[in-house]
Amino acid sequence: MKKVILIIFIITAMLLWGFYIEPDMLTVKEYKISSPDFSGQNLRIVFASDFHLKKNQEKQARKITDKINSENPDIIILGGDFVKGDCPEKSMLPEHVAKELSNLKAPNGVYAVTGNHDSWYDEKRIISALEEKNISVLNNKNKKLELNGKTFYLAGIEDLTTGKPNLDKAFQNTSDPVIFVSHSPDVFPKNPYKPFLTLSGHTHGGQIRLPFFGALVVPSKYGNKYAQGKFEKGSQNLIVTKGLGTSILPFRFNCPPEIVVVEISGNTVNEEKLTYQYRFSLLDRISPKRNKVIKSFKITRDIAKNNSEAENIFWQKIKTSFDVSDLNDEEIYKNTGLIRYNQIIMFDLDGDSQDEIIGINKSQIGWGHMNYGLLILKKKGNDYEIIADIRVREEHDEIKISEHKTNGFHDIKLSNAENDVPEKTLAFY
């Protein structure tokens, strides 16, 4: 009988905690990120998402906005789901939501994207209400911002499941560094633009998290992998907030609501003492984009010319984009060292009447596998800008890299030398 009473007591306590106490326990989670693109500068971001505001929750909304303002942000970013789209009759009206959020103050502005609940409710109405209160909505858009003379970009997309997300539009005419906002974190693993920071919500951290097990349900195709917290992939960072409100069940357990504070600082790099980890972080951000330079930095220590031969020989540290799942960065570096680009092609890729330098490499790494490298450089003063740095691991004995022009794009394609059938497209311009 005592055991039964104890079990009833524990269940009752958990229900009271989950329904009435924890959902009101607003917490602050802080993260620190360093980036060479913010050298000598600091940027303080407050990120909040998944409000799910209901009727008569003005007091709760003011508690949130007061807490955000108290963190003294340089910029405020909102990750969507402002209303209760699954139950519109119980939701706070968009105009009332916008009125409460208009209390947010940051010297560099307040920005937002929308989420699936906003689409279910009335996305156009919500966007109109927010922008009327000077909250810029960056659905498939970007904004150029400046901090102490340093330029950076803020980009966002529509919701992945209920909207029409367009990464090309979101990143159009941007350059590093880019802070990217997506309601759902599912865009992170395969985003070809590789922004150094992605901010997401949507998961609520699972909303109910059991000790030793984690979240019971996470609305993500990756399950628990990106439920909440900070994740790194090369030079990229993803931060997923647990959010502020609840959906489906007004219950939180071991997953209190939170706002996120991100402190971005620059790290000063001595060119004479560059570590291989830093080189990797630079190269990992390089990916083909149309009509623009992806990353510019001095590479005179990575590139050497052999003037005794008719052609130039380029050297570049290896990048980990081919299949090396069994090796970490340090092992790759120790095992492969430097790659020699032993074939040079020069022609105009982007139609500006100036030839780009294309370095092509073929070298064996591992039993029966060949590593092919493509390095595209553009002259800038006395240095070069890296336009693309790509590695492909294949099992062919011979390859051919050629230029194709399709629908106005110049494509660099990797083909089997025997039948000239394109197998991989390496770069697009």
Protein backbone atom coordinates (compact mmCIF):
# COMPACT_ATOMS: atom_id res chain seq x y z
CA MET A 1 0.00 0.00 0.00
CA LYS A 2 2.87 2.37 0.85
CA LYS A 3 4.43 1.75 -2.57
CA VAL A 4 1.15 2.59 -4.31
CA ILE A 5 0.84 5.84 -2.34
CA LEU A 6 4.46 6.73 -3.15
CA ILE A 7 3.91 6.08 -6.87
CA ILE A 8 0.72 8.20 -6.85
CA PHE A 9 2.58 10.99 -5.05
CA ILE A 10 5.48 10.93 -7.56
CA ILE A 11 3.16 10.95 -10.57
CA THR A 12 1.09 13.80 -9.10
CA ALA A 13 4.23 15.81 -8.35
CA MET A 14 5.55 15.27 -11.88
CA LEU A 15 2.25 16.36 -13.40
CA LEU A 16 2.06 19.49 -11.26
CA TRP A 17 5.70 20.29 -12.10
CA GLY A 18 5.31 19.69 -15.82
CA PHE A 19 2.01 21.53 -16.29
CA TYR A 20 2.33 24.47 -13.88
CA ILE A 21 5.90 25.06 -12.71
CA GLU A 22 8.55 24.26 -15.33
CA PRO A 23 6.77 25.93 -18.29
CA ASP A 24 7.07 29.22 -16.36
CA MET A 25 10.77 28.76 -15.46
CA LEU A 26 12.37 31.08 -18.02
CA THR A 27 16.11 30.39 -18.25
CA VAL A 28 19.05 31.90 -20.14
CA LYS A 29 21.54 29.73 -22.00
CA GLU A 30 24.82 31.35 -23.05
CA TYR A 31 27.24 30.28 -25.79
CA LYS A 32 30.58 31.74 -26.81
CA ILE A 33 31.85 31.48 -30.39
CA SER A 34 35.06 32.85 -31.85
CA SER A 35 35.58 33.65 -35.51
CA PRO A 36 38.50 35.28 -37.35
CA ASP A 37 35.91 37.26 -39.31
CA PHE A 38 35.11 39.19 -36.11
CA SER A 39 38.74 39.89 -35.24
CA GLY A 40 38.97 42.60 -32.60
CA GLN A 41 35.17 42.86 -32.26
CA ASN A 42 32.38 41.42 -30.14
CA LEU A 43 28.78 40.83 -31.13
CA ARG A 44 26.12 39.91 -28.56
CA ILE A 45 23.04 38.18 -29.99
CA VAL A 46 19.88 37.23 -28.14
CA PHE A 47 17.91 34.51 -29.92
CA ALA A 48 14.38 33.47 -28.95
CA SER A 49 11.99 31.11 -30.69
CA ASP A 50 8.73 29.16 -30.40
CA PHE A 51 6.65 31.64 -28.39
CA HIS A 52 3.29 29.93 -29.05
CA LEU A 53 1.51 32.80 -27.29
CA LYS A 54 -2.07 32.21 -26.25
CA LYS A 55 -4.90 34.61 -25.47
CA ASN A 56 -4.42 36.60 -22.26
CA GLN A 57 -0.69 35.82 -22.10
CA GLU A 58 0.38 39.46 -22.30
CA LYS A 59 2.03 39.17 -18.88
CA GLN A 60 4.07 36.18 -20.08
CA ALA A 61 5.05 38.06 -23.24
CA ARG A 62 6.28 41.04 -21.21
CA LYS A 63 8.28 38.72 -18.96
CA ILE A 64 10.03 37.40 -22.08
CA THR A 65 10.70 40.79 -23.65
CA ASP A 66 11.96 42.23 -20.36
CA LYS A 67 14.33 39.30 -19.96
CA ILE A 68 15.65 39.66 -23.51
CA ASN A 69 16.24 43.39 -23.09
CA SER A 70 18.01 42.81 -19.77
CA GLU A 71 20.71 40.85 -21.62
CA ASN A 72 21.79 44.04 -23.45
CA PRO A 73 21.85 42.53 -26.95
CA ASP A 74 23.51 44.17 -29.95
CA ILE A 75 20.98 42.39 -32.13
CA ILE A 76 17.81 40.36 -31.43
CA ILE A 77 16.78 37.42 -33.62
CA LEU A 78 13.41 35.64 -33.38
CA GLY A 79 13.06 32.10 -34.75
CA GLY A 80 9.34 31.87 -35.50
CA ASP A 81 6.21 30.13 -34.16
CA PHE A 82 4.83 33.30 -32.59
CA VAL A 83 1.26 31.96 -32.37
CA LYS A 84 -0.57 28.70 -31.76
CA GLY A 85 -1.24 27.57 -35.28
CA ASP A 86 -2.51 24.17 -34.17
CA CYS A 87 -5.29 25.84 -32.21
CA PRO A 88 -5.96 29.31 -33.71
CA GLU A 89 -9.03 29.99 -31.57
CA LYS A 90 -6.82 29.89 -28.45
CA SER A 91 -3.96 31.90 -29.96
CA MET A 92 -3.03 35.48 -29.23
CA LEU A 93 -3.84 37.65 -32.24
CA PRO A 94 -0.83 38.45 -34.47
CA GLU A 95 -1.34 42.18 -33.93
CA HIS A 96 -1.20 41.69 -30.17
CA VAL A 97 1.91 39.51 -30.48
CA ALA A 98 3.62 42.19 -32.55
CA LYS A 99 2.61 44.88 -30.06
CA GLU A 100 4.26 42.95 -27.21
CA LEU A 101 7.39 42.22 -29.25
CA SER A 102 7.68 45.88 -30.20
CA ASN A 103 9.07 46.39 -26.68
CA LEU A 104 12.28 44.62 -27.74
CA LYS A 105 15.24 46.99 -28.09
CA ALA A 106 18.62 46.42 -29.73
CA PRO A 107 20.94 48.97 -31.41
CA ASN A 108 21.34 46.79 -34.51
CA GLY A 109 17.68 45.91 -34.81
CA VAL A 110 15.21 43.06 -34.31
CA TYR A 111 14.87 40.38 -37.01
CA ALA A 112 12.74 37.28 -37.47
CA VAL A 113 11.76 34.32 -39.58
CA THR A 114 8.43 32.50 -39.41
CA GLY A 115 7.70 28.91 -38.42
CA ASN A 116 5.23 26.19 -39.22
CA HIS A 117 2.65 27.41 -36.68
CA ASP A 118 2.73 30.86 -38.27
CA SER A 119 2.02 29.29 -41.66
CA TRP A 120 -0.87 27.28 -40.24
CA TYR A 121 -2.36 30.43 -38.69
CA ASP A 122 -1.88 33.15 -41.33
CA GLU A 123 1.73 33.82 -42.27
CA LYS A 124 1.09 36.96 -44.33
CA ARG A 125 -0.89 38.53 -41.49
CA ILE A 126 1.86 37.72 -38.98
CA ILE A 127 4.60 39.13 -41.23
CA SER A 128 2.59 42.31 -41.81
CA ALA A 129 1.97 42.75 -38.07
CA LEU A 130 5.67 42.25 -37.21
CA GLU A 131 7.00 44.56 -39.89
CA GLU A 132 4.52 47.25 -38.91
CA LYS A 133 6.32 47.24 -35.54
CA ASN A 134 9.77 47.50 -37.20
CA ILE A 135 10.64 43.82 -36.83
CA SER A 136 12.23 42.80 -40.15
CA VAL A 137 11.17 39.37 -41.40
CA LEU A 138 13.96 37.66 -43.37
CA ASN A 139 12.08 34.85 -45.11
CA ASN A 140 14.38 33.97 -48.06
CA LYS A 141 16.14 37.31 -47.59
CA ASN A 142 19.27 38.75 -46.08
CA LYS A 143 20.32 41.98 -44.47
CA LYS A 144 23.74 43.63 -44.57
CA LEU A 145 24.71 44.93 -41.16
CA GLU A 146 27.69 46.79 -39.72
CA LEU A 147 29.34 46.67 -36.32
CA ASN A 148 32.16 49.11 -35.57
CA GLY A 149 32.98 49.35 -39.26
CA LYS A 150 32.87 45.57 -39.79
CA THR A 151 30.30 44.20 -42.26
CA PHE A 152 28.38 40.98 -41.68
CA TYR A 153 25.16 39.48 -43.04
CA LEU A 154 22.02 38.10 -41.45
CA ALA A 155 20.11 35.66 -43.66
CA GLY A 156 16.95 33.62 -43.16
CA ILE A 157 14.61 31.21 -44.92
CA GLU A 158 10.96 30.23 -44.81
CA ASP A 159 9.95 27.18 -42.80
CA LEU A 160 11.24 23.93 -44.29
CA THR A 161 7.96 22.02 -44.09
CA THR A 162 5.19 24.58 -44.58
CA GLY A 163 6.93 27.31 -46.57
CA LYS A 164 8.98 27.61 -49.74
CA PRO A 165 12.55 27.86 -48.44
CA ASN A 166 15.06 29.18 -50.97
CA LEU A 167 18.70 29.14 -49.87
CA ASP A 168 19.91 30.79 -53.07
CA LYS A 169 17.71 33.82 -52.44
CA ALA A 170 18.62 33.88 -48.77
CA PHE A 171 22.36 33.97 -49.49
CA GLN A 172 22.22 36.09 -52.63
CA ASN A 173 25.00 38.71 -52.73
CA THR A 174 26.30 37.78 -49.27
CA SER A 175 29.88 37.20 -48.19
CA ASP A 176 31.45 35.87 -45.00
CA PRO A 177 30.57 36.16 -42.22
CA VAL A 178 26.89 35.16 -42.40
CA ILE A 179 24.60 34.49 -39.46
CA PHE A 180 21.80 32.27 -40.74
CA VAL A 181 18.35 31.74 -39.21
CA SER A 182 16.13 28.76 -39.96
CA HIS A 183 13.12 27.80 -37.86
CA SER A 184 14.10 24.13 -38.17
CA PRO A 185 17.66 22.83 -37.68
CA ASP A 186 17.21 20.19 -40.39
CA VAL A 187 18.77 22.52 -42.97
CA PHE A 188 22.13 22.53 -41.17
CA PRO A 189 23.85 19.28 -42.29
CA LYS A 190 23.47 19.88 -46.04
CA ASN A 191 23.48 23.66 -46.38
CA PRO A 192 25.85 24.25 -49.34
CA TYR A 193 26.59 27.83 -48.25
CA LYS A 194 28.07 26.71 -44.91
CA PRO A 195 27.48 29.84 -42.79
CA PHE A 196 29.65 30.01 -39.71
CA LEU A 197 26.57 30.30 -37.43
CA THR A 198 23.06 28.85 -37.82
CA LEU A 199 20.32 29.59 -35.27
CA SER A 200 17.24 27.35 -35.05
CA GLY A 201 14.32 26.38 -32.86
CA HIS A 202 11.24 24.25 -33.66
CA THR A 203 12.29 21.19 -31.62
CA HIS A 204 11.43 22.63 -28.17
CA GLY A 205 14.36 20.47 -27.05
CA GLY A 206 11.86 17.63 -27.17
CA GLN A 207 9.76 19.43 -24.50
CA ILE A 208 9.78 16.26 -22.37
CA ARG A 209 13.24 14.85 -21.66
CA LEU A 210 13.73 11.77 -19.53
CA PRO A 211 16.98 11.26 -17.58
CA PHE A 212 19.44 8.93 -19.37
CA PHE A 213 17.09 8.73 -22.37
CA GLY A 214 16.60 12.24 -23.67
CA ALA A 215 13.64 13.58 -25.59
CA LEU A 216 10.70 11.28 -26.22
CA VAL A 217 9.69 12.99 -29.49
CA VAL A 218 11.61 15.51 -31.59
CA PRO A 219 10.03 17.00 -34.75
CA SER A 220 13.13 16.50 -36.87
CA LYS A 221 14.14 13.94 -39.48
CA TYR A 222 17.37 13.59 -37.52
CA GLY A 223 15.59 12.58 -34.33
CA ASN A 224 17.44 13.53 -31.16
CA LYS A 225 20.64 14.55 -32.98
CA TYR A 226 19.84 18.27 -33.17
CA ALA A 227 17.20 18.46 -30.43
CA GLN A 228 18.88 21.23 -28.43
CA GLY A 229 22.30 22.72 -27.74
CA LYS A 230 25.39 23.64 -29.76
CA PHE A 231 26.80 21.57 -32.60
CA GLU A 232 29.94 22.00 -34.71
CA LYS A 233 30.82 20.84 -38.20
CA GLY A 234 34.20 22.10 -39.36
CA SER A 235 34.00 25.89 -39.10
CA GLN A 236 30.18 25.83 -38.91
CA ASN A 237 28.20 26.21 -35.69
CA LEU A 238 24.56 25.31 -35.07
CA ILE A 239 22.68 26.46 -31.98
CA VAL A 240 19.22 25.01 -31.33
CA THR A 241 17.10 26.55 -28.59
CA LYS A 242 14.57 24.70 -26.44
CA GLY A 243 12.14 27.52 -27.18
CA LEU A 244 9.76 29.43 -24.95
CA GLY A 245 6.29 27.94 -25.25
CA THR A 246 4.68 24.54 -25.70
CA SER A 247 2.72 22.84 -28.44
CA ILE A 248 0.30 19.90 -28.53
CA LEU A 249 0.67 19.32 -24.76
CA PRO A 250 1.18 22.31 -22.41
CA PHE A 251 3.79 20.34 -20.51
CA ARG A 252 7.56 20.54 -20.04
CA PHE A 253 9.74 18.17 -18.08
CA ASN A 254 13.51 18.44 -17.67
CA CYS A 255 13.41 20.93 -20.54
CA PRO A 256 12.65 24.45 -19.23
CA PRO A 257 11.94 27.32 -21.65
CA GLU A 258 14.97 29.41 -22.56
CA ILE A 259 16.30 32.38 -24.41
CA VAL A 260 19.75 32.01 -25.94
CA VAL A 261 22.61 34.50 -25.71
CA VAL A 262 25.43 34.12 -28.24
CA GLU A 263 28.63 36.05 -27.67
CA ILE A 264 30.73 36.20 -30.85
CA SER A 265 34.31 37.36 -30.55
CA GLY A 266 37.21 37.54 -32.97
CA ASN A 267 40.40 35.55 -32.65
CA THR A 268 43.58 37.15 -33.90
CA VAL A 269 45.64 34.84 -36.10
CA ASN A 270 49.38 35.19 -36.58
CA GLU A 271 50.05 34.31 -40.22
CA GLU A 272 53.45 32.91 -39.29
CA LYS A 273 51.92 30.48 -36.77
CA LEU A 274 48.81 29.21 -38.50
CA THR A 275 47.83 25.78 -37.16
CA TYR A 276 46.53 23.05 -39.40
CA GLN A 277 43.20 23.20 -37.49
CA TYR A 278 42.79 26.83 -38.55
CA ARG A 279 43.65 25.97 -42.16
CA PHE A 280 41.01 23.24 -42.07
CA SER A 281 38.42 25.65 -40.70
CA LEU A 282 39.07 28.06 -43.56
CA LEU A 283 38.96 25.41 -46.25
CA ASP A 284 35.80 23.82 -44.88
CA ARG A 285 33.89 27.03 -45.59
CA ILE A 286 34.90 27.10 -49.23
CA SER A 287 32.14 25.85 -51.51
CA PRO A 288 31.15 26.79 -55.07
CA LYS A 289 28.85 29.79 -55.42
CA ARG A 290 27.90 31.59 -58.56
CA ASN A 291 29.76 34.77 -59.59
CA LYS A 292 31.49 35.52 -56.32
CA VAL A 293 34.59 34.92 -54.27
CA ILE A 294 33.98 32.54 -51.41
CA LYS A 295 36.95 33.30 -49.19
CA SER A 296 39.95 35.57 -49.54
CA PHE A 297 43.14 35.29 -47.52
CA LYS A 298 46.89 35.21 -48.12
CA ILE A 299 47.96 31.79 -49.36
CA THR A 300 51.56 32.52 -50.31
CA ARG A 301 52.72 30.00 -47.70
CA ASP A 302 50.49 27.29 -49.14
CA ILE A 303 51.34 27.86 -52.77
CA ALA A 304 54.79 27.54 -54.32
CA LYS A 305 55.94 28.00 -57.92
CA ASN A 306 58.46 25.77 -59.61
CA ASN A 307 60.02 28.20 -62.10
CA SER A 308 62.39 25.57 -63.48
CA GLU A 309 59.53 23.89 -65.32
CA ALA A 310 57.16 25.23 -67.92
CA GLU A 311 54.13 24.76 -65.67
CA ASN A 312 53.48 26.00 -62.15
CA ILE A 313 53.19 23.52 -59.31
CA PHE A 314 50.76 24.41 -56.55
CA TRP A 315 50.68 23.00 -53.04
CA GLN A 316 47.70 23.12 -50.75
CA LYS A 317 46.89 21.38 -47.48
CA ILE A 318 44.28 18.68 -47.81
CA LYS A 319 40.57 19.26 -47.14
CA THR A 320 38.38 16.62 -45.52
CA SER A 321 35.49 16.58 -47.99
CA PHE A 322 36.24 13.11 -49.36
CA ASP A 323 35.46 9.88 -47.55
CA VAL A 324 37.65 9.83 -44.46
CA SER A 325 35.03 8.84 -41.90
CA ASP A 326 37.51 6.63 -40.04
CA LEU A 327 40.07 9.43 -39.59
CA ASN A 328 39.99 12.64 -37.64
CA ASP A 329 41.46 15.90 -38.95
CA GLU A 330 44.82 15.38 -37.28
CA GLU A 331 45.19 11.85 -38.65
CA ILE A 332 44.29 13.03 -42.14
CA TYR A 333 46.89 15.77 -41.93
CA LYS A 334 49.59 13.43 -40.64
CA ASN A 335 48.82 10.74 -43.22
CA THR A 336 48.53 12.93 -46.29
CA GLY A 337 50.48 16.11 -45.50
CA LEU A 338 50.43 18.25 -48.62
CA ILE A 339 48.80 17.73 -51.98
CA ARG A 340 50.62 18.64 -55.18
CA TYR A 341 48.64 20.14 -58.01
CA ASN A 342 50.55 18.86 -61.01
CA GLN A 343 48.31 19.93 -63.87
CA ILE A 344 47.47 23.56 -64.58
CA ILE A 345 44.69 24.87 -66.81
CA MET A 346 44.00 28.55 -67.42
CA PHE A 347 40.79 29.92 -68.90
CA ASP A 348 38.09 32.46 -68.21
CA LEU A 349 35.38 30.84 -66.09
CA ASP A 350 33.24 33.83 -65.18
CA GLY A 351 33.40 35.90 -68.36
CA ASP A 352 35.43 38.83 -67.04
CA SER A 353 38.19 38.46 -69.69
CA GLN A 354 40.65 37.31 -67.05
CA ASP A 355 41.80 33.71 -66.90
CA GLU A 356 41.38 31.80 -63.65
CA ILE A 357 44.10 29.36 -62.62
CA ILE A 358 42.83 25.82 -62.22
CA GLY A 359 45.01 23.32 -60.42
CA ILE A 360 44.24 19.64 -60.83
CA ASN A 361 45.64 16.87 -58.65
CA LYS A 362 45.61 13.08 -58.77
CA SER A 363 47.17 11.09 -55.94
CA GLN A 364 46.59 7.74 -54.32
CA ILE A 365 45.30 7.67 -50.75
CA GLY A 366 44.58 4.26 -49.30
CA TRP A 367 44.42 0.93 -51.10
CA GLY A 368 42.69 1.15 -54.46
CA HIS A 369 41.40 4.69 -54.05
CA MET A 370 42.43 7.85 -55.85
CA ASN A 371 42.01 11.37 -54.54
CA TYR A 372 41.29 14.06 -57.10
CA GLY A 373 41.66 17.73 -56.22
CA LEU A 374 40.43 20.85 -57.94
CA LEU A 375 41.74 24.27 -56.88
CA ILE A 376 40.52 27.42 -58.67
CA LEU A 377 42.36 30.69 -58.04
CA LYS A 378 41.75 34.25 -59.11
CA LYS A 379 44.47 36.89 -59.16
CA LYS A 380 44.06 39.79 -56.74
CA GLY A 381 46.98 42.18 -56.47
CA ASN A 382 50.04 40.18 -55.52
CA ASP A 383 47.96 37.39 -53.98
CA TYR A 384 45.25 34.97 -55.06
CA GLU A 385 41.69 34.43 -53.92
CA ILE A 386 40.45 30.87 -53.58
CA ILE A 387 37.28 30.53 -55.67
CA ALA A 388 36.85 26.80 -55.07
CA ASP A 389 38.76 24.08 -53.27
CA ILE A 390 37.25 20.63 -53.84
CA ARG A 391 38.33 17.04 -53.17
CA VAL A 392 36.73 13.96 -54.70
CA ARG A 393 37.64 10.38 -53.86
CA GLU A 394 37.07 7.97 -56.75
CA GLU A 395 38.17 4.51 -57.84
CA HIS A 396 38.87 5.32 -61.51
CA ASP A 397 42.31 4.78 -62.99
CA GLU A 398 42.10 7.93 -65.09
CA ILE A 399 40.01 11.09 -65.04
CA LYS A 400 39.42 14.12 -67.16
CA ILE A 401 38.28 17.52 -65.92
CA SER A 402 36.59 19.69 -68.51
CA GLU A 403 34.42 22.78 -68.87
CA HIS A 404 30.78 22.61 -69.91
CA LYS A 405 28.37 25.47 -70.41
CA THR A 406 24.73 24.76 -69.66
CA ASN A 407 21.92 27.28 -69.26
CA GLY A 408 24.38 30.12 -68.78
CA PHE A 409 26.45 28.26 -66.17
CA HIS A 410 30.07 27.27 -66.59
CA ASP A 411 30.48 23.80 -65.10
CA ILE A 412 33.71 22.03 -64.22
CA LYS A 413 33.00 18.32 -64.52
CA LEU A 414 34.91 15.23 -63.48
CA SER A 415 34.57 12.50 -66.12
CA ASN A 416 35.79 8.98 -66.72
CA ALA A 417 38.60 9.39 -69.24
CA GLU A 418 37.60 6.31 -71.23
CA ASN A 419 34.03 7.25 -72.11
CA ASP A 420 33.91 10.96 -71.19
CA VAL A 421 30.71 10.41 -69.18
CA PRO A 422 30.43 13.14 -66.52
CA GLU A 423 30.32 11.57 -63.06
CA LYS A 424 30.56 14.57 -60.77
CA THR A 425 30.04 18.28 -61.22
CA LEU A 426 32.75 20.00 -59.24
CA ALA A 427 32.06 23.71 -59.55
CA PHE A 428 29.38 26.08 -60.87
CA TYR A 429 29.82 29.64 -62.08
